[in-house]
């Protein structure tokens, strides 16, 4: 009888530990990664949802995120039908702070979520954006959440 009680207690203890571990763990793609993490993200999450934070900028071929800490990395942003306006021309609160299209020298630093497309170059990426959040003005540090 004692042996059964020890086995049952051990199994329950293991189940409780697993349950606690699963409830506190987060998917690496739920936490905003830097644009500098693109090589690692491509290695694990091509075709999957990622969350990336970087400085929003306008380019002749569209809009992208970059980070001054890794000038060779760039994440191109592609809009989706039900996603946000990736030019930052709506809503009006973003236009007032960052201009239209957003970017240029006043930022913002922004967090985007969406599907990471595969790339031949690990330092370049493209994400199909379905969410943009946590806009931060580069000059003032002010956060704007429309």
C-alpha atoms as a PDB file:
ATOM      1  CA  UNK A   1       0.000   0.000   0.000  1.00  0.00           C
ATOM      2  CA  UNK A   2       2.831   2.386   0.872  1.00  0.00           C
ATOM      3  CA  UNK A   3       4.463   1.733  -2.517  1.00  0.00           C
ATOM      4  CA  UNK A   4       1.232   2.637  -4.359  1.00  0.00           C
ATOM      5  CA  UNK A   5       0.887   5.851  -2.362  1.00  0.00           C
ATOM      6  CA  UNK A   6       4.467   6.832  -3.229  1.00  0.00           C
ATOM      7  CA  UNK A   7       3.861   6.115  -6.936  1.00  0.00           C
ATOM      8  CA  UNK A   8       0.590   8.059  -6.978  1.00  0.00           C
ATOM      9  CA  UNK A   9       2.195  11.008  -5.168  1.00  0.00           C
ATOM     10  CA  UNK A  10       5.119  10.974  -7.617  1.00  0.00           C
ATOM     11  CA  UNK A  11       2.845  10.908 -10.658  1.00  0.00           C
ATOM     12  CA  UNK A  12       0.701  13.727  -9.274  1.00  0.00           C
ATOM     13  CA  UNK A  13       3.817  15.754  -8.513  1.00  0.00           C
ATOM     14  CA  UNK A  14       5.100  15.304 -12.064  1.00  0.00           C
ATOM     15  CA  UNK A  15       1.711  16.258 -13.514  1.00  0.00           C
ATOM     16  CA  UNK A  16       1.584  19.383 -11.381  1.00  0.00           C
ATOM     17  CA  UNK A  17       5.105  20.363 -12.456  1.00  0.00           C
ATOM     18  CA  UNK A  18       4.262  19.846 -16.142  1.00  0.00           C
ATOM     19  CA  UNK A  19       1.040  21.784 -15.789  1.00  0.00           C
ATOM     20  CA  UNK A  20       2.816  24.692 -14.088  1.00  0.00           C
ATOM     21  CA  UNK A  21       5.590  24.689 -16.703  1.00  0.00           C
ATOM     22  CA  UNK A  22       3.142  24.769 -19.609  1.00  0.00           C
ATOM     23  CA  UNK A  23       1.088  27.603 -18.163  1.00  0.00           C
ATOM     24  CA  UNK A  24       4.093  29.863 -17.627  1.00  0.00           C
ATOM     25  CA  UNK A  25       5.925  29.121 -20.867  1.00  0.00           C
ATOM     26  CA  UNK A  26       5.547  31.458 -23.822  1.00  0.00           C
ATOM     27  CA  UNK A  27       6.080  30.864 -27.479  1.00  0.00           C
ATOM     28  CA  UNK A  28       9.192  32.710 -28.649  1.00  0.00           C
ATOM     29  CA  UNK A  29       7.096  34.332 -31.354  1.00  0.00           C
ATOM     30  CA  UNK A  30       4.712  35.847 -28.770  1.00  0.00           C
ATOM     31  CA  UNK A  31       7.535  37.964 -27.386  1.00  0.00           C
ATOM     32  CA  UNK A  32       8.675  40.814 -29.630  1.00  0.00           C
ATOM     33  CA  UNK A  33      12.008  39.980 -31.217  1.00  0.00           C
ATOM     34  CA  UNK A  34      14.419  42.573 -32.621  1.00  0.00           C
ATOM     35  CA  UNK A  35      14.915  42.933 -36.364  1.00  0.00           C
ATOM     36  CA  UNK A  36      18.459  41.769 -35.539  1.00  0.00           C
ATOM     37  CA  UNK A  37      16.936  38.344 -34.738  1.00  0.00           C
ATOM     38  CA  UNK A  38      15.888  37.739 -38.368  1.00  0.00           C
ATOM     39  CA  UNK A  39      18.492  35.022 -39.064  1.00  0.00           C
ATOM     40  CA  UNK A  40      17.349  33.028 -36.027  1.00  0.00           C
ATOM     41  CA  UNK A  41      13.669  33.659 -36.808  1.00  0.00           C
ATOM     42  CA  UNK A  42      14.119  32.353 -40.345  1.00  0.00           C
ATOM     43  CA  UNK A  43      15.804  29.283 -38.939  1.00  0.00           C
ATOM     44  CA  UNK A  44      12.777  28.361 -36.821  1.00  0.00           C
ATOM     45  CA  UNK A  45       9.667  30.273 -37.885  1.00  0.00           C
ATOM     46  CA  UNK A  46       9.447  30.617 -41.688  1.00  0.00           C
ATOM     47  CA  UNK A  47       5.773  30.419 -42.630  1.00  0.00           C
ATOM     48  CA  UNK A  48       4.690  30.968 -39.033  1.00  0.00           C
ATOM     49  CA  UNK A  49       3.483  33.892 -36.956  1.00  0.00           C
ATOM     50  CA  UNK A  50       6.198  36.146 -35.504  1.00  0.00           C
ATOM     51  CA  UNK A  51       6.274  39.386 -33.518  1.00  0.00           C
ATOM     52  CA  UNK A  52       9.100  41.778 -34.380  1.00  0.00           C
ATOM     53  CA  UNK A  53      10.009  45.255 -33.115  1.00  0.00           C
ATOM     54  CA  UNK A  54      12.066  47.790 -35.036  1.00  0.00           C
ATOM     55  CA  UNK A  55      12.248  51.294 -36.442  1.00  0.00           C
ATOM     56  CA  UNK A  56       9.611  51.932 -39.114  1.00  0.00           C
ATOM     57  CA  UNK A  57      11.029  53.419 -42.291  1.00  0.00           C
ATOM     58  CA  UNK A  58       9.908  54.225 -45.823  1.00  0.00           C
ATOM     59  CA  UNK A  59      11.809  52.870 -48.812  1.00  0.00           C
ATOM     60  CA  UNK A  60      11.324  53.335 -52.563  1.00  0.00           C
ATOM     61  CA  UNK A  61       9.819  49.838 -52.686  1.00  0.00           C
ATOM     62  CA  UNK A  62       7.605  50.040 -49.609  1.00  0.00           C
ATOM     63  CA  UNK A  63       7.873  50.177 -45.842  1.00  0.00           C
ATOM     64  CA  UNK A  64      10.094  48.154 -43.552  1.00  0.00           C
ATOM     65  CA  UNK A  65      11.525  47.755 -40.068  1.00  0.00           C
ATOM     66  CA  UNK A  66      15.222  48.096 -39.306  1.00  0.00           C
ATOM     67  CA  UNK A  67      17.495  48.453 -36.294  1.00  0.00           C
ATOM     68  CA  UNK A  68      20.617  50.624 -36.108  1.00  0.00           C
ATOM     69  CA  UNK A  69      22.344  47.866 -34.101  1.00  0.00           C
ATOM     70  CA  UNK A  70      22.287  45.602 -37.179  1.00  0.00           C
ATOM     71  CA  UNK A  71      22.289  47.763 -40.330  1.00  0.00           C
ATOM     72  CA  UNK A  72      22.365  44.728 -42.626  1.00  0.00           C
ATOM     73  CA  UNK A  73      18.986  43.419 -41.424  1.00  0.00           C
ATOM     74  CA  UNK A  74      15.662  44.596 -42.843  1.00  0.00           C
ATOM     75  CA  UNK A  75      12.085  43.357 -42.454  1.00  0.00           C
ATOM     76  CA  UNK A  76       9.776  44.378 -45.280  1.00  0.00           C
ATOM     77  CA  UNK A  77       6.139  44.909 -44.293  1.00  0.00           C
ATOM     78  CA  UNK A  78       3.321  43.724 -46.541  1.00  0.00           C
ATOM     79  CA  UNK A  79      -0.266  44.657 -45.808  1.00  0.00           C
ATOM     80  CA  UNK A  80      -3.128  42.215 -45.506  1.00  0.00           C
ATOM     81  CA  UNK A  81      -6.785  42.722 -46.359  1.00  0.00           C
ATOM     82  CA  UNK A  82      -7.941  42.821 -42.734  1.00  0.00           C
ATOM     83  CA  UNK A  83      -4.706  44.184 -41.278  1.00  0.00           C
ATOM     84  CA  UNK A  84      -3.684  47.712 -40.274  1.00  0.00           C
ATOM     85  CA  UNK A  85      -2.669  50.523 -42.628  1.00  0.00           C
ATOM     86  CA  UNK A  86       1.065  49.821 -42.850  1.00  0.00           C
ATOM     87  CA  UNK A  87       1.757  53.322 -44.243  1.00  0.00           C
ATOM     88  CA  UNK A  88       0.634  54.798 -40.884  1.00  0.00           C
ATOM     89  CA  UNK A  89      -1.734  57.161 -42.740  1.00  0.00           C
ATOM     90  CA  UNK A  90      -4.616  56.066 -40.508  1.00  0.00           C
ATOM     91  CA  UNK A  91      -5.718  56.530 -37.776  1.00  0.00           C
ATOM     92  CA  UNK A  92      -5.373  60.286 -37.450  1.00  0.00           C
ATOM     93  CA  UNK A  93      -3.523  60.054 -34.113  1.00  0.00           C
ATOM     94  CA  UNK A  94      -0.614  58.330 -35.868  1.00  0.00           C
ATOM     95  CA  UNK A  95      -0.589  60.893 -38.698  1.00  0.00           C
ATOM     96  CA  UNK A  96      -0.399  63.746 -36.172  1.00  0.00           C
ATOM     97  CA  UNK A  97       2.695  62.268 -34.506  1.00  0.00           C
ATOM     98  CA  UNK A  98       4.529  60.514 -37.350  1.00  0.00           C
ATOM     99  CA  UNK A  99       3.258  62.064 -40.598  1.00  0.00           C
ATOM    100  CA  UNK A 100       1.861  60.294 -43.636  1.00  0.00           C
ATOM    101  CA  UNK A 101       3.417  58.064 -44.661  1.00  0.00           C
ATOM    102  CA  UNK A 102       5.059  57.485 -41.329  1.00  0.00           C
ATOM    103  CA  UNK A 103       8.755  57.069 -40.900  1.00  0.00           C
ATOM    104  CA  UNK A 104      11.403  59.535 -42.019  1.00  0.00           C
ATOM    105  CA  UNK A 105      13.462  60.903 -39.127  1.00  0.00           C
ATOM    106  CA  UNK A 106      10.788  60.850 -36.425  1.00  0.00           C
ATOM    107  CA  UNK A 107      10.319  57.108 -36.215  1.00  0.00           C
ATOM    108  CA  UNK A 108       8.388  55.373 -34.957  1.00  0.00           C
ATOM    109  CA  UNK A 109       9.697  52.241 -33.373  1.00  0.00           C
ATOM    110  CA  UNK A 110       6.833  49.787 -33.741  1.00  0.00           C
ATOM    111  CA  UNK A 111       5.920  46.179 -33.016  1.00  0.00           C
ATOM    112  CA  UNK A 112       4.375  44.144 -35.848  1.00  0.00           C
ATOM    113  CA  UNK A 113       2.883  40.665 -35.852  1.00  0.00           C
ATOM    114  CA  UNK A 114       2.195  38.471 -38.837  1.00  0.00           C
ATOM    115  CA  UNK A 115       3.381  35.578 -40.975  1.00  0.00           C
ATOM    116  CA  UNK A 116       7.106  35.476 -41.782  1.00  0.00           C
ATOM    117  CA  UNK A 117       7.749  34.594 -45.426  1.00  0.00           C
ATOM    118  CA  UNK A 118      10.726  32.373 -46.262  1.00  0.00           C
ATOM    119  CA  UNK A 119      13.787  34.219 -47.582  1.00  0.00           C
ATOM    120  CA  UNK A 120      17.001  33.222 -49.359  1.00  0.00           C
ATOM    121  CA  UNK A 121      18.855  35.892 -47.379  1.00  0.00           C
ATOM    122  CA  UNK A 122      18.669  35.343 -43.605  1.00  0.00           C
ATOM    123  CA  UNK A 123      19.186  39.066 -42.894  1.00  0.00           C
ATOM    124  CA  UNK A 124      16.191  40.079 -45.007  1.00  0.00           C
ATOM    125  CA  UNK A 125      12.602  39.186 -44.310  1.00  0.00           C
ATOM    126  CA  UNK A 126       9.063  39.919 -45.262  1.00  0.00           C
ATOM    127  CA  UNK A 127       6.102  39.681 -42.946  1.00  0.00           C
ATOM    128  CA  UNK A 128       2.407  39.748 -43.851  1.00  0.00           C
ATOM    129  CA  UNK A 129       1.274  42.199 -41.171  1.00  0.00           C
ATOM    130  CA  UNK A 130      -1.996  41.611 -39.364  1.00  0.00           C
ATOM    131  CA  UNK A 131      -1.219  43.714 -36.282  1.00  0.00           C
ATOM    132  CA  UNK A 132       0.829  46.830 -35.432  1.00  0.00           C
ATOM    133  CA  UNK A 133       1.178  48.038 -31.835  1.00  0.00           C
ATOM    134  CA  UNK A 134       3.298  49.953 -29.359  1.00  0.00           C
ATOM    135  CA  UNK A 135       4.323  52.959 -31.473  1.00  0.00           C
ATOM    136  CA  UNK A 136       7.220  54.898 -29.936  1.00  0.00           C
ATOM    137  CA  UNK A 137       8.431  58.303 -31.134  1.00  0.00           C
ATOM    138  CA  UNK A 138      12.187  58.104 -31.775  1.00  0.00           C
ATOM    139  CA  UNK A 139      12.831  61.734 -30.833  1.00  0.00           C
ATOM    140  CA  UNK A 140      10.688  62.062 -27.712  1.00  0.00           C
ATOM    141  CA  UNK A 141      10.301  58.489 -26.450  1.00  0.00           C
ATOM    142  CA  UNK A 142       6.530  59.095 -26.265  1.00  0.00           C
ATOM    143  CA  UNK A 143       4.413  55.990 -26.790  1.00  0.00           C
ATOM    144  CA  UNK A 144       1.301  56.197 -28.934  1.00  0.00           C
ATOM    145  CA  UNK A 145      -1.333  53.485 -29.009  1.00  0.00           C
ATOM    146  CA  UNK A 146      -4.201  54.470 -31.297  1.00  0.00           C
END
